[in-house]
Amino acid sequence: MPNQEDKARSSSITRRSLLVLGGAALAAVASRPAQAALRLTHERTLSLYNIHTGEHLREVYWAGGRYLPDALHSINHFLRDFRSDQVHRIDPHALDIINAVHRKVEARGPIHIISGYRSPATNAWLASVTSGVARHSLHMQGQAIDIRLPGHSVHAVGRAARSLRAGGVGQYPASDFVHVDTGRVRYW
């Protein structure tokens, strides 16, 4: 049977434990706003120019640790098949690739878009009239974007894209653009 001394020791350990746990809980709660603020200040922004439509778009598409659905919707529309006006979901990782390439080459102006989504009909037509268009292009799945960064050579942009090892990279110096996609890692 515990004596008074044992009871006092037992209750002081309990109080001490509670104080330690309470202090730890208070510290965790107090640090959450600071952690949330840090996440909220880290954003991914795209500044785009479509060479075919003349449209400009600047969107924060990722913030607070997540992709922003409204911004993705706007970007999907911007990267539509301009020939047929069809809109398709663009793989957000393709957006991350062009964002990272833009930062790597320290480009100042917008990313010039040559091609985003292509409908199967548009892709088939392009493949029939142009060499270098894949019949099963990842453009048709919204997983490929062709870009140009004015002031930066195709080789510099291609080198930056290849360094990411995030998907396919094709350099087209004669047409002055770089193809990036979220497929398997390969280069041409």
C-alpha atoms as a PDB file:
ATOM      1  CA  MET A   1       0.000   0.000   0.000  1.00  0.00           C
ATOM      2  CA  PRO A   2       1.488   3.375  -1.038  1.00  0.00           C
ATOM      3  CA  ASN A   3       2.354   5.768   1.716  1.00  0.00           C
ATOM      4  CA  GLN A   4       1.898   9.556   1.672  1.00  0.00           C
ATOM      5  CA  GLU A   5       5.436  10.132   0.387  1.00  0.00           C
ATOM      6  CA  ASP A   6       4.858   7.786  -2.602  1.00  0.00           C
ATOM      7  CA  LYS A   7       1.556   9.512  -3.387  1.00  0.00           C
ATOM      8  CA  ALA A   8       3.188  12.962  -3.312  1.00  0.00           C
ATOM      9  CA  ARG A   9       6.054  11.784  -5.586  1.00  0.00           C
ATOM     10  CA  SER A  10       3.558  10.193  -7.977  1.00  0.00           C
ATOM     11  CA  SER A  11       1.383  13.300  -8.198  1.00  0.00           C
ATOM     12  CA  SER A  12       4.387  15.629  -8.701  1.00  0.00           C
ATOM     13  CA  ILE A  13       5.591  13.477 -11.611  1.00  0.00           C
ATOM     14  CA  THR A  14       2.142  13.687 -13.089  1.00  0.00           C
ATOM     15  CA  ARG A  15       2.028  17.468 -12.681  1.00  0.00           C
ATOM     16  CA  ARG A  16       5.542  17.819 -14.131  1.00  0.00           C
ATOM     17  CA  SER A  17       4.615  15.581 -17.052  1.00  0.00           C
ATOM     18  CA  LEU A  18       1.494  17.619 -17.676  1.00  0.00           C
ATOM     19  CA  LEU A  19       3.460  20.869 -17.570  1.00  0.00           C
ATOM     20  CA  VAL A  20       6.031  19.521 -20.037  1.00  0.00           C
ATOM     21  CA  LEU A  21       3.328  18.183 -22.362  1.00  0.00           C
ATOM     22  CA  GLY A  22       1.341  21.413 -22.086  1.00  0.00           C
ATOM     23  CA  GLY A  23       4.434  23.479 -22.909  1.00  0.00           C
ATOM     24  CA  ALA A  24       5.209  21.283 -25.910  1.00  0.00           C
ATOM     25  CA  ALA A  25       1.624  21.561 -27.138  1.00  0.00           C
ATOM     26  CA  LEU A  26       1.695  25.348 -26.707  1.00  0.00           C
ATOM     27  CA  ALA A  27       4.965  25.588 -28.672  1.00  0.00           C
ATOM     28  CA  ALA A  28       3.546  23.440 -31.479  1.00  0.00           C
ATOM     29  CA  VAL A  29       0.401  25.541 -31.739  1.00  0.00           C
ATOM     30  CA  ALA A  30       2.399  28.781 -31.632  1.00  0.00           C
ATOM     31  CA  SER A  31       4.703  27.639 -34.453  1.00  0.00           C
ATOM     32  CA  ARG A  32       1.850  26.645 -36.819  1.00  0.00           C
ATOM     33  CA  PRO A  33       1.066  30.185 -38.002  1.00  0.00           C
ATOM     34  CA  ALA A  34       4.757  30.767 -38.769  1.00  0.00           C
ATOM     35  CA  GLN A  35       4.971  27.509 -40.728  1.00  0.00           C
ATOM     36  CA  ALA A  36       1.751  28.309 -42.587  1.00  0.00           C
ATOM     37  CA  ALA A  37       3.015  31.786 -43.456  1.00  0.00           C
ATOM     38  CA  LEU A  38       6.208  30.321 -44.901  1.00  0.00           C
ATOM     39  CA  ARG A  39       4.215  27.919 -47.066  1.00  0.00           C
ATOM     40  CA  LEU A  40       1.928  30.703 -48.218  1.00  0.00           C
ATOM     41  CA  THR A  41       4.804  32.938 -49.268  1.00  0.00           C
ATOM     42  CA  HIS A  42       6.295  30.273 -51.530  1.00  0.00           C
ATOM     43  CA  GLU A  43       4.472  30.490 -54.825  1.00  0.00           C
ATOM     44  CA  ARG A  44       4.932  29.244 -58.377  1.00  0.00           C
ATOM     45  CA  THR A  45       3.966  31.773 -61.002  1.00  0.00           C
ATOM     46  CA  LEU A  46       3.849  31.528 -64.780  1.00  0.00           C
ATOM     47  CA  SER A  47       3.987  34.461 -67.140  1.00  0.00           C
ATOM     48  CA  LEU A  48       2.953  33.233 -70.605  1.00  0.00           C
ATOM     49  CA  TYR A  49       2.548  34.636 -74.102  1.00  0.00           C
ATOM     50  CA  ASN A  50       0.824  32.624 -76.848  1.00  0.00           C
ATOM     51  CA  ILE A  51       2.517  33.437 -80.165  1.00  0.00           C
ATOM     52  CA  HIS A  52      -0.515  32.276 -82.179  1.00  0.00           C
ATOM     53  CA  THR A  53      -3.329  34.066 -80.350  1.00  0.00           C
ATOM     54  CA  GLY A  54      -1.428  37.067 -78.965  1.00  0.00           C
ATOM     55  CA  GLU A  55      -2.827  36.342 -75.496  1.00  0.00           C
ATOM     56  CA  HIS A  56      -0.902  37.018 -72.298  1.00  0.00           C
ATOM     57  CA  LEU A  57      -1.458  35.295 -68.962  1.00  0.00           C
ATOM     58  CA  ARG A  58       0.191  35.651 -65.569  1.00  0.00           C
ATOM     59  CA  GLU A  59      -0.988  33.185 -62.926  1.00  0.00           C
ATOM     60  CA  VAL A  60       0.116  31.987 -59.516  1.00  0.00           C
ATOM     61  CA  TYR A  61      -0.709  28.314 -60.056  1.00  0.00           C
ATOM     62  CA  TRP A  62       0.782  26.800 -56.899  1.00  0.00           C
ATOM     63  CA  ALA A  63       0.759  28.225 -53.372  1.00  0.00           C
ATOM     64  CA  GLY A  64       0.482  26.993 -49.831  1.00  0.00           C
ATOM     65  CA  GLY A  65       1.754  23.567 -50.810  1.00  0.00           C
ATOM     66  CA  ARG A  66      -0.875  22.857 -53.468  1.00  0.00           C
ATOM     67  CA  TYR A  67      -1.920  23.539 -57.031  1.00  0.00           C
ATOM     68  CA  LEU A  68      -4.654  26.161 -57.339  1.00  0.00           C
ATOM     69  CA  PRO A  69      -7.659  24.800 -59.281  1.00  0.00           C
ATOM     70  CA  ASP A  70      -8.875  28.174 -60.625  1.00  0.00           C
ATOM     71  CA  ALA A  71      -5.396  29.032 -61.899  1.00  0.00           C
ATOM     72  CA  LEU A  72      -5.023  25.599 -63.514  1.00  0.00           C
ATOM     73  CA  HIS A  73      -8.376  26.119 -65.210  1.00  0.00           C
ATOM     74  CA  SER A  74      -7.153  29.450 -66.657  1.00  0.00           C
ATOM     75  CA  ILE A  75      -3.873  27.892 -67.784  1.00  0.00           C
ATOM     76  CA  ASN A  76      -5.705  24.947 -69.391  1.00  0.00           C
ATOM     77  CA  HIS A  77      -7.749  27.425 -71.424  1.00  0.00           C
ATOM     78  CA  PHE A  78      -4.660  29.444 -72.334  1.00  0.00           C
ATOM     79  CA  LEU A  79      -2.831  26.297 -73.541  1.00  0.00           C
ATOM     80  CA  ARG A  80      -5.841  25.089 -75.549  1.00  0.00           C
ATOM     81  CA  ASP A  81      -5.608  23.862 -79.129  1.00  0.00           C
ATOM     82  CA  PHE A  82      -5.925  27.277 -80.762  1.00  0.00           C
ATOM     83  CA  ARG A  83      -6.847  25.694 -84.118  1.00  0.00           C
ATOM     84  CA  SER A  84      -9.941  23.908 -82.791  1.00  0.00           C
ATOM     85  CA  ASP A  85     -10.444  25.924 -79.566  1.00  0.00           C
ATOM     86  CA  GLN A  86     -10.555  22.640 -77.593  1.00  0.00           C
ATOM     87  CA  VAL A  87      -9.447  22.795 -73.967  1.00  0.00           C
ATOM     88  CA  HIS A  88      -7.820  19.862 -72.182  1.00  0.00           C
ATOM     89  CA  ARG A  89      -6.315  19.371 -68.729  1.00  0.00           C
ATOM     90  CA  ILE A  90      -2.585  20.172 -68.768  1.00  0.00           C
ATOM     91  CA  ASP A  91      -0.390  18.059 -66.503  1.00  0.00           C
ATOM     92  CA  PRO A  92       0.652  20.423 -63.668  1.00  0.00           C
ATOM     93  CA  HIS A  93       4.112  18.827 -63.704  1.00  0.00           C
ATOM     94  CA  ALA A  94       4.585  20.172 -67.248  1.00  0.00           C
ATOM     95  CA  LEU A  95       3.913  23.614 -65.780  1.00  0.00           C
ATOM     96  CA  ASP A  96       6.516  22.945 -63.092  1.00  0.00           C
ATOM     97  CA  ILE A  97       9.035  22.046 -65.806  1.00  0.00           C
ATOM     98  CA  ILE A  98       8.564  25.235 -67.800  1.00  0.00           C
ATOM     99  CA  ASN A  99       8.583  27.260 -64.570  1.00  0.00           C
ATOM    100  CA  ALA A 100      11.882  25.643 -63.523  1.00  0.00           C
ATOM    101  CA  VAL A 101      13.442  26.155 -66.974  1.00  0.00           C
ATOM    102  CA  HIS A 102      12.427  29.827 -66.906  1.00  0.00           C
ATOM    103  CA  ARG A 103      14.107  30.241 -63.500  1.00  0.00           C
ATOM    104  CA  LYS A 104      17.226  28.224 -64.459  1.00  0.00           C
ATOM    105  CA  VAL A 105      18.045  30.436 -67.439  1.00  0.00           C
ATOM    106  CA  GLU A 106      17.054  33.517 -65.413  1.00  0.00           C
ATOM    107  CA  ALA A 107      14.650  34.675 -68.122  1.00  0.00           C
ATOM    108  CA  ARG A 108      12.982  38.005 -67.493  1.00  0.00           C
ATOM    109  CA  GLY A 109      10.095  38.053 -69.962  1.00  0.00           C
ATOM    110  CA  PRO A 110       7.176  35.691 -70.409  1.00  0.00           C
ATOM    111  CA  ILE A 111       7.495  32.148 -71.697  1.00  0.00           C
ATOM    112  CA  HIS A 112       6.440  32.104 -75.341  1.00  0.00           C
ATOM    113  CA  ILE A 113       4.092  29.215 -76.024  1.00  0.00           C
ATOM    114  CA  ILE A 114       4.401  27.545 -79.413  1.00  0.00           C
ATOM    115  CA  SER A 115       2.115  24.622 -78.640  1.00  0.00           C
ATOM    116  CA  GLY A 116       0.280  23.282 -75.601  1.00  0.00           C
ATOM    117  CA  TYR A 117      -2.624  20.893 -75.962  1.00  0.00           C
ATOM    118  CA  ARG A 118      -3.285  19.485 -79.434  1.00  0.00           C
ATOM    119  CA  SER A 119      -6.491  17.685 -80.317  1.00  0.00           C
ATOM    120  CA  PRO A 120      -6.034  14.352 -82.111  1.00  0.00           C
ATOM    121  CA  ALA A 121      -7.339  15.952 -85.342  1.00  0.00           C
ATOM    122  CA  THR A 122      -4.853  18.831 -85.124  1.00  0.00           C
ATOM    123  CA  ASN A 123      -1.999  16.476 -84.309  1.00  0.00           C
ATOM    124  CA  ALA A 124      -2.861  14.201 -87.251  1.00  0.00           C
ATOM    125  CA  TRP A 125      -3.001  17.186 -89.606  1.00  0.00           C
ATOM    126  CA  LEU A 126       0.355  18.543 -88.330  1.00  0.00           C
ATOM    127  CA  ALA A 127       1.955  15.094 -88.669  1.00  0.00           C
ATOM    128  CA  SER A 128       0.768  14.940 -92.285  1.00  0.00           C
ATOM    129  CA  VAL A 129       2.200  18.334 -93.267  1.00  0.00           C
ATOM    130  CA  THR A 130       5.257  18.704 -91.007  1.00  0.00           C
ATOM    131  CA  SER A 131       8.175  16.450 -90.190  1.00  0.00           C
ATOM    132  CA  GLY A 132       8.994  15.896 -86.528  1.00  0.00           C
ATOM    133  CA  VAL A 133       5.399  15.661 -85.235  1.00  0.00           C
ATOM    134  CA  ALA A 134       4.848  12.388 -83.386  1.00  0.00           C
ATOM    135  CA  ARG A 135       1.664  10.541 -84.319  1.00  0.00           C
ATOM    136  CA  HIS A 136       1.117   9.675 -80.637  1.00  0.00           C
ATOM    137  CA  SER A 137       2.312  13.021 -79.269  1.00  0.00           C
ATOM    138  CA  LEU A 138       2.046  13.735 -75.563  1.00  0.00           C
ATOM    139  CA  HIS A 139       0.533  17.081 -76.584  1.00  0.00           C
ATOM    140  CA  MET A 140      -2.722  15.130 -77.075  1.00  0.00           C
ATOM    141  CA  GLN A 141      -2.680  14.106 -73.386  1.00  0.00           C
ATOM    142  CA  GLY A 142      -1.798  17.588 -72.113  1.00  0.00           C
ATOM    143  CA  GLN A 143       1.644  16.363 -71.090  1.00  0.00           C
ATOM    144  CA  ALA A 144       3.794  18.413 -73.503  1.00  0.00           C
ATOM    145  CA  ILE A 145       4.485  22.089 -74.112  1.00  0.00           C
ATOM    146  CA  ASP A 146       6.660  23.696 -76.792  1.00  0.00           C
ATOM    147  CA  ILE A 147       8.320  26.887 -75.564  1.00  0.00           C
ATOM    148  CA  ARG A 148      10.650  29.696 -76.557  1.00  0.00           C
ATOM    149  CA  LEU A 149      12.436  32.056 -74.176  1.00  0.00           C
ATOM    150  CA  PRO A 150      13.406  35.189 -76.121  1.00  0.00           C
ATOM    151  CA  GLY A 151      16.987  36.205 -75.452  1.00  0.00           C
ATOM    152  CA  HIS A 152      17.999  32.607 -74.720  1.00  0.00           C
ATOM    153  CA  SER A 153      19.164  30.124 -77.316  1.00  0.00           C
ATOM    154  CA  VAL A 154      17.386  26.854 -77.986  1.00  0.00           C
ATOM    155  CA  HIS A 155      20.554  25.128 -76.760  1.00  0.00           C
ATOM    156  CA  ALA A 156      20.571  27.032 -73.440  1.00  0.00           C
ATOM    157  CA  VAL A 157      16.857  26.359 -72.858  1.00  0.00           C
ATOM    158  CA  GLY A 158      17.279  22.705 -73.864  1.00  0.00           C
ATOM    159  CA  ARG A 159      20.284  22.304 -71.552  1.00  0.00           C
ATOM    160  CA  ALA A 160      18.281  23.766 -68.641  1.00  0.00           C
ATOM    161  CA  ALA A 161      15.351  21.434 -69.377  1.00  0.00           C
ATOM    162  CA  ARG A 162      17.608  18.357 -69.653  1.00  0.00           C
ATOM    163  CA  SER A 163      19.275  19.193 -66.325  1.00  0.00           C
ATOM    164  CA  LEU A 164      15.911  18.682 -64.621  1.00  0.00           C
ATOM    165  CA  ARG A 165      15.700  15.051 -65.778  1.00  0.00           C
ATOM    166  CA  ALA A 166      11.921  15.419 -65.516  1.00  0.00           C
ATOM    167  CA  GLY A 167      10.777  14.088 -68.895  1.00  0.00           C
ATOM    168  CA  GLY A 168      11.387  14.401 -72.609  1.00  0.00           C
ATOM    169  CA  VAL A 169      13.261  17.332 -74.115  1.00  0.00           C
ATOM    170  CA  GLY A 170      13.492  18.029 -77.822  1.00  0.00           C
ATOM    171  CA  GLN A 171      15.453  20.906 -79.329  1.00  0.00           C
ATOM    172  CA  TYR A 172      14.286  22.430 -82.616  1.00  0.00           C
ATOM    173  CA  PRO A 173      16.833  25.141 -83.506  1.00  0.00           C
ATOM    174  CA  ALA A 174      15.491  25.673 -87.044  1.00  0.00           C
ATOM    175  CA  SER A 175      12.048  26.482 -85.595  1.00  0.00           C
ATOM    176  CA  ASP A 176      13.480  28.201 -82.480  1.00  0.00           C
ATOM    177  CA  PHE A 177      11.689  26.235 -79.759  1.00  0.00           C
ATOM    178  CA  VAL A 178      12.175  23.517 -77.162  1.00  0.00           C
ATOM    179  CA  HIS A 179       9.687  20.711 -76.521  1.00  0.00           C
ATOM    180  CA  VAL A 180       9.300  19.555 -72.902  1.00  0.00           C
ATOM    181  CA  ASP A 181       7.037  16.789 -71.656  1.00  0.00           C
ATOM    182  CA  THR A 182       6.292  14.689 -68.596  1.00  0.00           C
ATOM    183  CA  GLY A 183       6.889  11.361 -70.329  1.00  0.00           C
ATOM    184  CA  ARG A 184       9.933   9.194 -69.756  1.00  0.00           C
ATOM    185  CA  VAL A 185      13.337  10.919 -69.703  1.00  0.00           C
ATOM    186  CA  ARG A 186      14.709  11.115 -73.251  1.00  0.00           C
ATOM    187  CA  TYR A 187      16.372  13.718 -75.462  1.00  0.00           C
ATOM    188  CA  TRP A 188      16.445  14.554 -79.141  1.00  0.00           C
END
